[in-house]
Each structure stands twice: as structure tokens, then as C-alpha cells.
Amino acid sequence: MKSISGKKFAKILEQNGWQLLRIQGSHHIYCKPGQTTRISVPIHGNKDLKVGLLRYLMKQASLSEDDLK
């Protein structure tokens, strides 16, 4: 799995129905209507997310690797 930036992952979340709830520092907090899960995406410029964190966020958002393309 190739890592992507926090900005790109945030755009993918928004395309899949997640809404930006608030921004706290450099972390963007997303929620999805009808779910209790909140996802915190660190956005540090165009710096890539580490693979372990990306997998964790994808699991929380119920996304697959195909959704990242």
C-alpha cells in the first residue's frame, strides 16, 4: 500500500459522505450522519500519512484500497 497525504485522504472521506465537523489545530475531525464514529485526520502540509495510521483510518471509515484511487 502506498501512503497518501492527509489532505488527499480528507478529500476521499468527503467524497464518501463524511462531513468536516471541526478543525482542532492541524487535525480535521470528520463525522458521518447516522454513525457515532469520529475520524481525526492529521494534515501537515503535503506530508504523507504513515501506512499504519492510514490503514487504521481506512478501517474506521470502512474504506478499501480501491477507494483511495
PDB file of N, CA and C in Angstrom:
ATOM      1  N   MET A   1       0.848  -1.182   0.000  1.00  0.00           N
ATOM      2  CA  MET A   1       0.000   0.000   0.000  1.00  0.00           C
ATOM      3  C   MET A   1       0.889   1.240   0.000  1.00  0.00           C
ATOM      4  N   LYS A   2       0.555   2.151  -0.899  1.00  0.00           N
ATOM      5  CA  LYS A   2       1.293   3.401  -0.984  1.00  0.00           C
ATOM      6  C   LYS A   2       0.588   4.434  -0.111  1.00  0.00           C
ATOM      7  N   SER A   3       1.363   5.196   0.611  1.00  0.00           N
ATOM      8  CA  SER A   3       0.786   6.192   1.502  1.00  0.00           C
ATOM      9  C   SER A   3       0.353   7.432   0.714  1.00  0.00           C
ATOM     10  N   ILE A   4      -0.618   8.155   1.269  1.00  0.00           N
ATOM     11  CA  ILE A   4      -1.087   9.397   0.656  1.00  0.00           C
ATOM     12  C   ILE A   4      -1.060  10.496   1.717  1.00  0.00           C
ATOM     13  N   SER A   5      -1.210  11.726   1.287  1.00  0.00           N
ATOM     14  CA  SER A   5      -1.174  12.846   2.229  1.00  0.00           C
ATOM     15  C   SER A   5      -2.490  12.952   2.990  1.00  0.00           C
ATOM     16  N   GLY A   6      -2.457  13.651   4.097  1.00  0.00           N
ATOM     17  CA  GLY A   6      -3.659  13.878   4.888  1.00  0.00           C
ATOM     18  C   GLY A   6      -4.701  14.669   4.122  1.00  0.00           C
ATOM     19  N   LYS A   7      -4.249  15.640   3.315  1.00  0.00           N
ATOM     20  CA  LYS A   7      -5.167  16.448   2.503  1.00  0.00           C
ATOM     21  C   LYS A   7      -5.939  15.568   1.527  1.00  0.00           C
ATOM     22  N   LYS A   8      -5.221  14.667   0.861  1.00  0.00           N
ATOM     23  CA  LYS A   8      -5.866  13.794  -0.127  1.00  0.00           C
ATOM     24  C   LYS A   8      -6.835  12.837   0.568  1.00  0.00           C
ATOM     25  N   PHE A   9      -6.447  12.306   1.733  1.00  0.00           N
ATOM     26  CA  PHE A   9      -7.330  11.397   2.460  1.00  0.00           C
ATOM     27  C   PHE A   9      -8.591  12.123   2.910  1.00  0.00           C
ATOM     28  N   ALA A  10      -8.459  13.373   3.320  1.00  0.00           N
ATOM     29  CA  ALA A  10      -9.624  14.162   3.729  1.00  0.00           C
ATOM     30  C   ALA A  10     -10.592  14.346   2.555  1.00  0.00           C
ATOM     31  N   LYS A  11     -10.062  14.592   1.357  1.00  0.00           N
ATOM     32  CA  LYS A  11     -10.913  14.734   0.172  1.00  0.00           C
ATOM     33  C   LYS A  11     -11.649  13.426  -0.126  1.00  0.00           C
ATOM     34  N   ILE A  12     -10.951  12.302   0.037  1.00  0.00           N
ATOM     35  CA  ILE A  12     -11.567  10.995  -0.197  1.00  0.00           C
ATOM     36  C   ILE A  12     -12.689  10.753   0.808  1.00  0.00           C
ATOM     37  N   LEU A  13     -12.468  11.130   2.067  1.00  0.00           N
ATOM     38  CA  LEU A  13     -13.521  10.987   3.080  1.00  0.00           C
ATOM     39  C   LEU A  13     -14.761  11.791   2.680  1.00  0.00           C
ATOM     40  N   GLU A  14     -14.552  13.024   2.257  1.00  0.00           N
ATOM     41  CA  GLU A  14     -15.669  13.889   1.876  1.00  0.00           C
ATOM     42  C   GLU A  14     -16.427  13.323   0.676  1.00  0.00           C
ATOM     43  N   GLN A  15     -15.716  12.693  -0.254  1.00  0.00           N
ATOM     44  CA  GLN A  15     -16.369  12.076  -1.416  1.00  0.00           C
ATOM     45  C   GLN A  15     -17.204  10.872  -1.009  1.00  0.00           C
ATOM     46  N   ASN A  16     -16.896  10.274   0.144  1.00  0.00           N
ATOM     47  CA  ASN A  16     -17.616   9.096   0.618  1.00  0.00           C
ATOM     48  C   ASN A  16     -18.644   9.432   1.694  1.00  0.00           C
ATOM     49  N   GLY A  17     -19.046  10.694   1.781  1.00  0.00           N
ATOM     50  CA  GLY A  17     -20.145  11.075   2.654  1.00  0.00           C
ATOM     51  C   GLY A  17     -19.759  11.566   4.041  1.00  0.00           C
ATOM     52  N   TRP A  18     -18.474  11.669   4.333  1.00  0.00           N
ATOM     53  CA  TRP A  18     -18.039  12.184   5.638  1.00  0.00           C
ATOM     54  C   TRP A  18     -18.064  13.700   5.602  1.00  0.00           C
ATOM     55  N   GLN A  19     -18.415  14.315   6.729  1.00  0.00           N
ATOM     56  CA  GLN A  19     -18.515  15.769   6.810  1.00  0.00           C
ATOM     57  C   GLN A  19     -17.502  16.304   7.823  1.00  0.00           C
ATOM     58  N   LEU A  20     -16.898  17.433   7.470  1.00  0.00           N
ATOM     59  CA  LEU A  20     -15.954  18.087   8.366  1.00  0.00           C
ATOM     60  C   LEU A  20     -16.727  18.687   9.530  1.00  0.00           C
ATOM     61  N   LEU A  21     -16.414  18.216  10.734  1.00  0.00           N
ATOM     62  CA  LEU A  21     -17.105  18.673  11.930  1.00  0.00           C
ATOM     63  C   LEU A  21     -16.419  19.909  12.496  1.00  0.00           C
ATOM     64  N   ARG A  22     -15.099  19.814  12.639  1.00  0.00           N
ATOM     65  CA  ARG A  22     -14.327  20.950  13.151  1.00  0.00           C
ATOM     66  C   ARG A  22     -12.849  20.739  12.849  1.00  0.00           C
ATOM     67  N   ILE A  23     -12.083  21.800  13.019  1.00  0.00           N
ATOM     68  CA  ILE A  23     -10.634  21.723  12.866  1.00  0.00           C
ATOM     69  C   ILE A  23     -10.041  22.107  14.211  1.00  0.00           C
ATOM     70  N   GLN A  24      -9.189  21.229  14.718  1.00  0.00           N
ATOM     71  CA  GLN A  24      -8.550  21.471  16.008  1.00  0.00           C
ATOM     72  C   GLN A  24      -7.043  21.399  15.788  1.00  0.00           C
ATOM     73  N   GLY A  25      -6.426  22.564  15.658  1.00  0.00           N
ATOM     74  CA  GLY A  25      -5.006  22.598  15.339  1.00  0.00           C
ATOM     75  C   GLY A  25      -4.800  22.124  13.914  1.00  0.00           C
ATOM     76  N   SER A  26      -3.957  21.096  13.747  1.00  0.00           N
ATOM     77  CA  SER A  26      -3.709  20.567  12.405  1.00  0.00           C
ATOM     78  C   SER A  26      -4.507  19.293  12.146  1.00  0.00           C
ATOM     79  N   HIS A  27      -5.473  18.984  13.024  1.00  0.00           N
ATOM     80  CA  HIS A  27      -6.287  17.785  12.866  1.00  0.00           C
ATOM     81  C   HIS A  27      -7.702  18.161  12.435  1.00  0.00           C
ATOM     82  N   HIS A  28      -8.150  17.537  11.367  1.00  0.00           N
ATOM     83  CA  HIS A  28      -9.504  17.758  10.876  1.00  0.00           C
ATOM     84  C   HIS A  28     -10.367  16.607  11.378  1.00  0.00           C
ATOM     85  N   ILE A  29     -11.448  16.934  12.062  1.00  0.00           N
ATOM     86  CA  ILE A  29     -12.328  15.938  12.667  1.00  0.00           C
ATOM     87  C   ILE A  29     -13.531  15.741  11.751  1.00  0.00           C
ATOM     88  N   TYR A  30     -13.748  14.495  11.333  1.00  0.00           N
ATOM     89  CA  TYR A  30     -14.854  14.162  10.430  1.00  0.00           C
ATOM     90  C   TYR A  30     -15.854  13.254  11.117  1.00  0.00           C
ATOM     91  N   CYS A  31     -17.128  13.409  10.726  1.00  0.00           N
ATOM     92  CA  CYS A  31     -18.175  12.513  11.198  1.00  0.00           C
ATOM     93  C   CYS A  31     -19.070  12.184  10.006  1.00  0.00           C
ATOM     94  N   LYS A  32     -19.852  11.122  10.164  1.00  0.00           N
ATOM     95  CA  LYS A  32     -20.776  10.713   9.105  1.00  0.00           C
ATOM     96  C   LYS A  32     -22.155  10.607   9.723  1.00  0.00           C
ATOM     97  N   PRO A  33     -23.151  11.228   9.117  1.00  0.00           N
ATOM     98  CA  PRO A  33     -24.506  11.160   9.657  1.00  0.00           C
ATOM     99  C   PRO A  33     -24.960   9.705   9.832  1.00  0.00           C
ATOM    100  N   GLY A  34     -25.524   9.418  10.985  1.00  0.00           N
ATOM    101  CA  GLY A  34     -26.002   8.069  11.262  1.00  0.00           C
ATOM    102  C   GLY A  34     -24.965   7.165  11.896  1.00  0.00           C
ATOM    103  N   GLN A  35     -23.744   7.650  12.086  1.00  0.00           N
ATOM    104  CA  GLN A  35     -22.702   6.862  12.734  1.00  0.00           C
ATOM    105  C   GLN A  35     -22.149   7.626  13.925  1.00  0.00           C
ATOM    106  N   THR A  36     -21.660   6.875  14.907  1.00  0.00           N
ATOM    107  CA  THR A  36     -21.084   7.515  16.088  1.00  0.00           C
ATOM    108  C   THR A  36     -19.578   7.703  15.954  1.00  0.00           C
ATOM    109  N   THR A  37     -18.989   7.139  14.908  1.00  0.00           N
ATOM    110  CA  THR A  37     -17.538   7.207  14.710  1.00  0.00           C
ATOM    111  C   THR A  37     -17.103   8.604  14.309  1.00  0.00           C
ATOM    112  N   ARG A  38     -16.007   9.062  14.895  1.00  0.00           N
ATOM    113  CA  ARG A  38     -15.372  10.314  14.507  1.00  0.00           C
ATOM    114  C   ARG A  38     -13.952   9.963  14.068  1.00  0.00           C
ATOM    115  N   ILE A  39     -13.522  10.586  12.996  1.00  0.00           N
ATOM    116  CA  ILE A  39     -12.189  10.319  12.461  1.00  0.00           C
ATOM    117  C   ILE A  39     -11.378  11.604  12.515  1.00  0.00           C
ATOM    118  N   SER A  40     -10.184  11.510  13.084  1.00  0.00           N
ATOM    119  CA  SER A  40      -9.287  12.649  13.188  1.00  0.00           C
ATOM    120  C   SER A  40      -8.142  12.459  12.194  1.00  0.00           C
ATOM    121  N   VAL A  41      -8.086  13.332  11.188  1.00  0.00           N
ATOM    122  CA  VAL A  41      -7.064  13.233  10.145  1.00  0.00           C
ATOM    123  C   VAL A  41      -6.021  14.323  10.365  1.00  0.00           C
ATOM    124  N   PRO A  42      -4.762  13.931  10.620  1.00  0.00           N
ATOM    125  CA  PRO A  42      -3.706  14.939  10.762  1.00  0.00           C
ATOM    126  C   PRO A  42      -3.315  15.486   9.393  1.00  0.00           C
ATOM    127  N   ILE A  43      -3.356  16.797   9.246  1.00  0.00           N
ATOM    128  CA  ILE A  43      -2.988  17.424   7.978  1.00  0.00           C
ATOM    129  C   ILE A  43      -1.807  18.348   8.233  1.00  0.00           C
ATOM    130  N   HIS A  44      -0.645  17.888   7.807  1.00  0.00           N
ATOM    131  CA  HIS A  44       0.594  18.640   7.986  1.00  0.00           C
ATOM    132  C   HIS A  44       1.169  18.934   6.610  1.00  0.00           C
ATOM    133  N   GLY A  45       0.609  19.918   5.945  1.00  0.00           N
ATOM    134  CA  GLY A  45       1.062  20.252   4.593  1.00  0.00           C
ATOM    135  C   GLY A  45       0.765  19.102   3.653  1.00  0.00           C
ATOM    136  N   ASN A  46       1.721  18.759   2.818  1.00  0.00           N
ATOM    137  CA  ASN A  46       1.553  17.626   1.904  1.00  0.00           C
ATOM    138  C   ASN A  46       2.310  16.407   2.395  1.00  0.00           C
ATOM    139  N   LYS A  47       2.568  16.344   3.684  1.00  0.00           N
ATOM    140  CA  LYS A  47       3.293  15.221   4.266  1.00  0.00           C
ATOM    141  C   LYS A  47       2.415  13.970   4.248  1.00  0.00           C
ATOM    142  N   ASP A  48       2.988  12.855   3.829  1.00  0.00           N
ATOM    143  CA  ASP A  48       2.232  11.604   3.746  1.00  0.00           C
ATOM    144  C   ASP A  48       1.923  11.050   5.126  1.00  0.00           C
ATOM    145  N   LEU A  49       0.756  10.401   5.222  1.00  0.00           N
ATOM    146  CA  LEU A  49       0.394   9.685   6.443  1.00  0.00           C
ATOM    147  C   LEU A  49       1.206   8.397   6.481  1.00  0.00           C
ATOM    148  N   LYS A  50       1.571   7.945   7.661  1.00  0.00           N
ATOM    149  CA  LYS A  50       2.277   6.677   7.764  1.00  0.00           C
ATOM    150  C   LYS A  50       1.300   5.552   7.457  1.00  0.00           C
ATOM    151  N   VAL A  51       1.820   4.457   6.939  1.00  0.00           N
ATOM    152  CA  VAL A  51       0.979   3.373   6.435  1.00  0.00           C
ATOM    153  C   VAL A  51       0.085   2.789   7.531  1.00  0.00           C
ATOM    154  N   GLY A  52       0.606   2.615   8.740  1.00  0.00           N
ATOM    155  CA  GLY A  52      -0.190   2.062   9.835  1.00  0.00           C
ATOM    156  C   GLY A  52      -1.365   2.958  10.187  1.00  0.00           C
ATOM    157  N   LEU A  53      -1.121   4.259  10.253  1.00  0.00           N
ATOM    158  CA  LEU A  53      -2.188   5.220  10.552  1.00  0.00           C
ATOM    159  C   LEU A  53      -3.217   5.248   9.427  1.00  0.00           C
ATOM    160  N   LEU A  54      -2.746   5.196   8.185  1.00  0.00           N
ATOM    161  CA  LEU A  54      -3.653   5.198   7.041  1.00  0.00           C
ATOM    162  C   LEU A  54      -4.562   3.978   7.077  1.00  0.00           C
ATOM    163  N   ARG A  55      -4.006   2.811   7.374  1.00  0.00           N
ATOM    164  CA  ARG A  55      -4.823   1.587   7.465  1.00  0.00           C
ATOM    165  C   ARG A  55      -5.853   1.697   8.579  1.00  0.00           C
ATOM    166  N   TYR A  56      -5.450   2.259   9.718  1.00  0.00           N
ATOM    167  CA  TYR A  56      -6.360   2.436  10.851  1.00  0.00           C
ATOM    168  C   TYR A  56      -7.513   3.366  10.479  1.00  0.00           C
ATOM    169  N   LEU A  57      -7.196   4.486   9.823  1.00  0.00           N
ATOM    170  CA  LEU A  57      -8.231   5.443   9.424  1.00  0.00           C
ATOM    171  C   LEU A  57      -9.159   4.832   8.378  1.00  0.00           C
ATOM    172  N   MET A  58      -8.598   4.056   7.458  1.00  0.00           N
ATOM    173  CA  MET A  58      -9.417   3.400   6.435  1.00  0.00           C
ATOM    174  C   MET A  58     -10.369   2.398   7.074  1.00  0.00           C
ATOM    175  N   LYS A  59      -9.898   1.684   8.073  1.00  0.00           N
ATOM    176  CA  LYS A  59     -10.743   0.702   8.762  1.00  0.00           C
ATOM    177  C   LYS A  59     -11.889   1.412   9.481  1.00  0.00           C
ATOM    178  N   GLN A  60     -11.586   2.524  10.141  1.00  0.00           N
ATOM    179  CA  GLN A  60     -12.624   3.289  10.825  1.00  0.00           C
ATOM    180  C   GLN A  60     -13.669   3.815   9.847  1.00  0.00           C
ATOM    181  N   ALA A  61     -13.236   4.233   8.658  1.00  0.00           N
ATOM    182  CA  ALA A  61     -14.133   4.815   7.672  1.00  0.00           C
ATOM    183  C   ALA A  61     -14.767   3.754   6.766  1.00  0.00           C
ATOM    184  N   SER A  62     -14.418   2.502   6.963  1.00  0.00           N
ATOM    185  CA  SER A  62     -14.913   1.398   6.120  1.00  0.00           C
ATOM    186  C   SER A  62     -14.557   1.616   4.650  1.00  0.00           C
ATOM    187  N   LEU A  63     -13.313   2.006   4.406  1.00  0.00           N
ATOM    188  CA  LEU A  63     -12.829   2.213   3.045  1.00  0.00           C
ATOM    189  C   LEU A  63     -11.864   1.101   2.667  1.00  0.00           C
ATOM    190  N   SER A  64     -11.775   0.810   1.384  1.00  0.00           N
ATOM    191  CA  SER A  64     -10.819  -0.178   0.898  1.00  0.00           C
ATOM    192  C   SER A  64      -9.720   0.548   0.112  1.00  0.00           C
ATOM    193  N   GLU A  65      -8.710  -0.219  -0.298  1.00  0.00           N
ATOM    194  CA  GLU A  65      -7.623   0.390  -1.069  1.00  0.00           C
ATOM    195  C   GLU A  65      -8.133   0.928  -2.404  1.00  0.00           C
ATOM    196  N   ASP A  66      -9.172   0.301  -2.943  1.00  0.00           N
ATOM    197  CA  ASP A  66      -9.741   0.764  -4.222  1.00  0.00           C
ATOM    198  C   ASP A  66     -10.355   2.151  -4.091  1.00  0.00           C
ATOM    199  N   ASP A  67     -10.840   2.488  -2.895  1.00  0.00           N
ATOM    200  CA  ASP A  67     -11.439   3.810  -2.679  1.00  0.00           C
ATOM    201  C   ASP A  67     -10.395   4.931  -2.717  1.00  0.00           C
ATOM    202  N   LEU A  68      -9.125   4.588  -2.509  1.00  0.00           N
ATOM    203  CA  LEU A  68      -8.068   5.595  -2.468  1.00  0.00           C
ATOM    204  C   LEU A  68      -7.640   6.047  -3.854  1.00  0.00           C
ATOM    205  N   LYS A  69      -8.101   5.384  -4.891  1.00  0.00           N
ATOM    206  CA  LYS A  69      -7.665   5.721  -6.248  1.00  0.00           C
ATOM    207  C   LYS A  69      -8.594   6.683  -6.917  1.00  0.00           C
TER     208      LYS A  69
END
